[in-house]
Amino acid sequence: MFTEFKALIVRSEATLLEDAIGVASLMVILVAGLHLPSLI
């Protein structure tokens, strides 16, 4: 299982950074959306 996971990371290394940026931006949008009602 570990070798399959390692092979998956090696194959998708080019898009790994883009995926991480996408996940981080979604988390920022989620946190902002949850805090928005308390600001208004």
PDB file of N, CA and C in Angstrom:
ATOM      1  N   MET A   1       0.834  -1.189   0.000  1.00  0.00           N
ATOM      2  CA  MET A   1       0.000   0.000   0.000  1.00  0.00           C
ATOM      3  C   MET A   1       0.878   1.253   0.000  1.00  0.00           C
ATOM      4  N   PHE A   2       1.951   1.216   0.774  1.00  0.00           N
ATOM      5  CA  PHE A   2       2.842   2.380   0.821  1.00  0.00           C
ATOM      6  C   PHE A   2       3.505   2.619  -0.528  1.00  0.00           C
ATOM      7  N   THR A   3       3.871   1.550  -1.227  1.00  0.00           N
ATOM      8  CA  THR A   3       4.497   1.718  -2.536  1.00  0.00           C
ATOM      9  C   THR A   3       3.513   2.296  -3.549  1.00  0.00           C
ATOM     10  N   GLU A   4       2.246   1.905  -3.445  1.00  0.00           N
ATOM     11  CA  GLU A   4       1.226   2.468  -4.336  1.00  0.00           C
ATOM     12  C   GLU A   4       1.042   3.956  -4.055  1.00  0.00           C
ATOM     13  N   PHE A   5       1.044   4.311  -2.773  1.00  0.00           N
ATOM     14  CA  PHE A   5       0.895   5.719  -2.402  1.00  0.00           C
ATOM     15  C   PHE A   5       2.093   6.532  -2.877  1.00  0.00           C
ATOM     16  N   LYS A   6       3.278   5.982  -2.745  1.00  0.00           N
ATOM     17  CA  LYS A   6       4.484   6.670  -3.198  1.00  0.00           C
ATOM     18  C   LYS A   6       4.475   6.842  -4.718  1.00  0.00           C
ATOM     19  N   ALA A   7       4.031   5.806  -5.443  1.00  0.00           N
ATOM     20  CA  ALA A   7       3.948   5.900  -6.896  1.00  0.00           C
ATOM     21  C   ALA A   7       2.915   6.944  -7.313  1.00  0.00           C
ATOM     22  N   LEU A   8       1.836   7.033  -6.570  1.00  0.00           N
ATOM     23  CA  LEU A   8       0.802   8.026  -6.865  1.00  0.00           C
ATOM     24  C   LEU A   8       1.348   9.440  -6.688  1.00  0.00           C
ATOM     25  N   ILE A   9       2.127   9.653  -5.646  1.00  0.00           N
ATOM     26  CA  ILE A   9       2.717  10.975  -5.416  1.00  0.00           C
ATOM     27  C   ILE A   9       3.713  11.321  -6.520  1.00  0.00           C
ATOM     28  N   VAL A  10       4.502  10.338  -6.938  1.00  0.00           N
ATOM     29  CA  VAL A  10       5.494  10.597  -7.995  1.00  0.00           C
ATOM     30  C   VAL A  10       4.790  10.936  -9.308  1.00  0.00           C
ATOM     31  N   ARG A  11       3.696  10.240  -9.612  1.00  0.00           N
ATOM     32  CA  ARG A  11       2.979  10.505 -10.863  1.00  0.00           C
ATOM     33  C   ARG A  11       2.304  11.867 -10.852  1.00  0.00           C
ATOM     34  N   SER A  12       1.780  12.274  -9.702  1.00  0.00           N
ATOM     35  CA  SER A  12       1.012  13.523  -9.653  1.00  0.00           C
ATOM     36  C   SER A  12       1.800  14.661  -9.021  1.00  0.00           C
ATOM     37  N   GLU A  13       3.106  14.591  -9.079  1.00  0.00           N
ATOM     38  CA  GLU A  13       3.932  15.614  -8.451  1.00  0.00           C
ATOM     39  C   GLU A  13       3.754  16.979  -9.107  1.00  0.00           C
ATOM     40  N   ALA A  14       3.463  16.996 -10.387  1.00  0.00           N
ATOM     41  CA  ALA A  14       3.322  18.268 -11.110  1.00  0.00           C
ATOM     42  C   ALA A  14       2.101  19.040 -10.636  1.00  0.00           C
ATOM     43  N   THR A  15       1.029  18.356 -10.312  1.00  0.00           N
ATOM     44  CA  THR A  15      -0.201  19.048  -9.909  1.00  0.00           C
ATOM     45  C   THR A  15      -0.386  19.082  -8.404  1.00  0.00           C
ATOM     46  N   LEU A  16       0.555  18.533  -7.657  1.00  0.00           N
ATOM     47  CA  LEU A  16       0.406  18.474  -6.205  1.00  0.00           C
ATOM     48  C   LEU A  16       0.382  19.869  -5.590  1.00  0.00           C
ATOM     49  N   LEU A  17       1.230  20.764  -6.059  1.00  0.00           N
ATOM     50  CA  LEU A  17       1.258  22.127  -5.532  1.00  0.00           C
ATOM     51  C   LEU A  17      -0.031  22.872  -5.866  1.00  0.00           C
ATOM     52  N   GLU A  18      -0.518  22.687  -7.086  1.00  0.00           N
ATOM     53  CA  GLU A  18      -1.773  23.343  -7.472  1.00  0.00           C
ATOM     54  C   GLU A  18      -2.935  22.831  -6.637  1.00  0.00           C
ATOM     55  N   ASP A  19      -2.958  21.539  -6.364  1.00  0.00           N
ATOM     56  CA  ASP A  19      -4.018  20.976  -5.530  1.00  0.00           C
ATOM     57  C   ASP A  19      -3.941  21.516  -4.106  1.00  0.00           C
ATOM     58  N   ALA A  20      -2.728  21.656  -3.581  1.00  0.00           N
ATOM     59  CA  ALA A  20      -2.567  22.188  -2.223  1.00  0.00           C
ATOM     60  C   ALA A  20      -3.030  23.639  -2.148  1.00  0.00           C
ATOM     61  N   ILE A  21      -2.726  24.422  -3.181  1.00  0.00           N
ATOM     62  CA  ILE A  21      -3.186  25.812  -3.217  1.00  0.00           C
ATOM     63  C   ILE A  21      -4.708  25.862  -3.296  1.00  0.00           C
ATOM     64  N   GLY A  22      -5.290  24.981  -4.074  1.00  0.00           N
ATOM     65  CA  GLY A  22      -6.748  24.920  -4.182  1.00  0.00           C
ATOM     66  C   GLY A  22      -7.410  24.561  -2.869  1.00  0.00           C
ATOM     67  N   VAL A  23      -6.855  23.600  -2.157  1.00  0.00           N
ATOM     68  CA  VAL A  23      -7.405  23.200  -0.863  1.00  0.00           C
ATOM     69  C   VAL A  23      -7.282  24.347   0.136  1.00  0.00           C
ATOM     70  N   ALA A  24      -6.143  25.026   0.128  1.00  0.00           N
ATOM     71  CA  ALA A  24      -5.952  26.150   1.053  1.00  0.00           C
ATOM     72  C   ALA A  24      -6.943  27.280   0.755  1.00  0.00           C
ATOM     73  N   SER A  25      -7.176  27.558  -0.520  1.00  0.00           N
ATOM     74  CA  SER A  25      -8.115  28.631  -0.857  1.00  0.00           C
ATOM     75  C   SER A  25      -9.547  28.247  -0.481  1.00  0.00           C
ATOM     76  N   LEU A  26      -9.902  26.973  -0.640  1.00  0.00           N
ATOM     77  CA  LEU A  26     -11.236  26.537  -0.216  1.00  0.00           C
ATOM     78  C   LEU A  26     -11.404  26.649   1.300  1.00  0.00           C
ATOM     79  N   MET A  27     -10.358  26.355   2.034  1.00  0.00           N
ATOM     80  CA  MET A  27     -10.431  26.481   3.489  1.00  0.00           C
ATOM     81  C   MET A  27     -10.581  27.949   3.905  1.00  0.00           C
ATOM     82  N   VAL A  28      -9.892  28.854   3.212  1.00  0.00           N
ATOM     83  CA  VAL A  28     -10.028  30.280   3.509  1.00  0.00           C
ATOM     84  C   VAL A  28     -11.451  30.743   3.219  1.00  0.00           C
ATOM     85  N   ILE A  29     -12.008  30.303   2.111  1.00  0.00           N
ATOM     86  CA  ILE A  29     -13.388  30.676   1.770  1.00  0.00           C
ATOM     87  C   ILE A  29     -14.363  30.129   2.804  1.00  0.00           C
ATOM     88  N   LEU A  30     -14.134  28.889   3.260  1.00  0.00           N
ATOM     89  CA  LEU A  30     -15.011  28.281   4.263  1.00  0.00           C
ATOM     90  C   LEU A  30     -14.958  29.044   5.579  1.00  0.00           C
ATOM     91  N   VAL A  31     -13.756  29.359   6.045  1.00  0.00           N
ATOM     92  CA  VAL A  31     -13.617  30.074   7.314  1.00  0.00           C
ATOM     93  C   VAL A  31     -14.213  31.467   7.198  1.00  0.00           C
ATOM     94  N   ALA A  32     -13.974  32.142   6.089  1.00  0.00           N
ATOM     95  CA  ALA A  32     -14.533  33.477   5.896  1.00  0.00           C
ATOM     96  C   ALA A  32     -16.066  33.408   5.848  1.00  0.00           C
ATOM     97  N   GLY A  33     -16.607  32.403   5.188  1.00  0.00           N
ATOM     98  CA  GLY A  33     -18.047  32.262   5.110  1.00  0.00           C
ATOM     99  C   GLY A  33     -18.673  31.965   6.460  1.00  0.00           C
ATOM    100  N   LEU A  34     -17.986  31.220   7.292  1.00  0.00           N
ATOM    101  CA  LEU A  34     -18.522  30.911   8.622  1.00  0.00           C
ATOM    102  C   LEU A  34     -18.412  32.105   9.572  1.00  0.00           C
ATOM    103  N   HIS A  35     -17.427  32.966   9.384  1.00  0.00           N
ATOM    104  CA  HIS A  35     -17.267  34.118  10.254  1.00  0.00           C
ATOM    105  C   HIS A  35     -18.027  35.348   9.755  1.00  0.00           C
ATOM    106  N   LEU A  36     -18.485  35.318   8.528  1.00  0.00           N
ATOM    107  CA  LEU A  36     -19.153  36.483   7.944  1.00  0.00           C
ATOM    108  C   LEU A  36     -20.427  36.879   8.696  1.00  0.00           C
ATOM    109  N   PRO A  37     -21.288  35.946   9.105  1.00  0.00           N
ATOM    110  CA  PRO A  37     -22.502  36.378   9.827  1.00  0.00           C
ATOM    111  C   PRO A  37     -22.225  37.125  11.133  1.00  0.00           C
ATOM    112  N   SER A  38     -21.129  36.815  11.806  1.00  0.00           N
ATOM    113  CA  SER A  38     -20.827  37.509  13.054  1.00  0.00           C
ATOM    114  C   SER A  38     -20.304  38.921  12.805  1.00  0.00           C
ATOM    115  N   LEU A  39     -19.833  39.213  11.606  1.00  0.00           N
ATOM    116  CA  LEU A  39     -19.297  40.529  11.276  1.00  0.00           C
ATOM    117  C   LEU A  39     -20.381  41.507  10.841  1.00  0.00           C
ATOM    118  N   ILE A  40     -21.481  40.960  10.362  1.00  0.00           N
ATOM    119  CA  ILE A  40     -22.557  41.828   9.846  1.00  0.00           C
ATOM    120  C   ILE A  40     -23.489  42.254  10.954  1.00  0.00           C
TER     121      ILE A  40
END
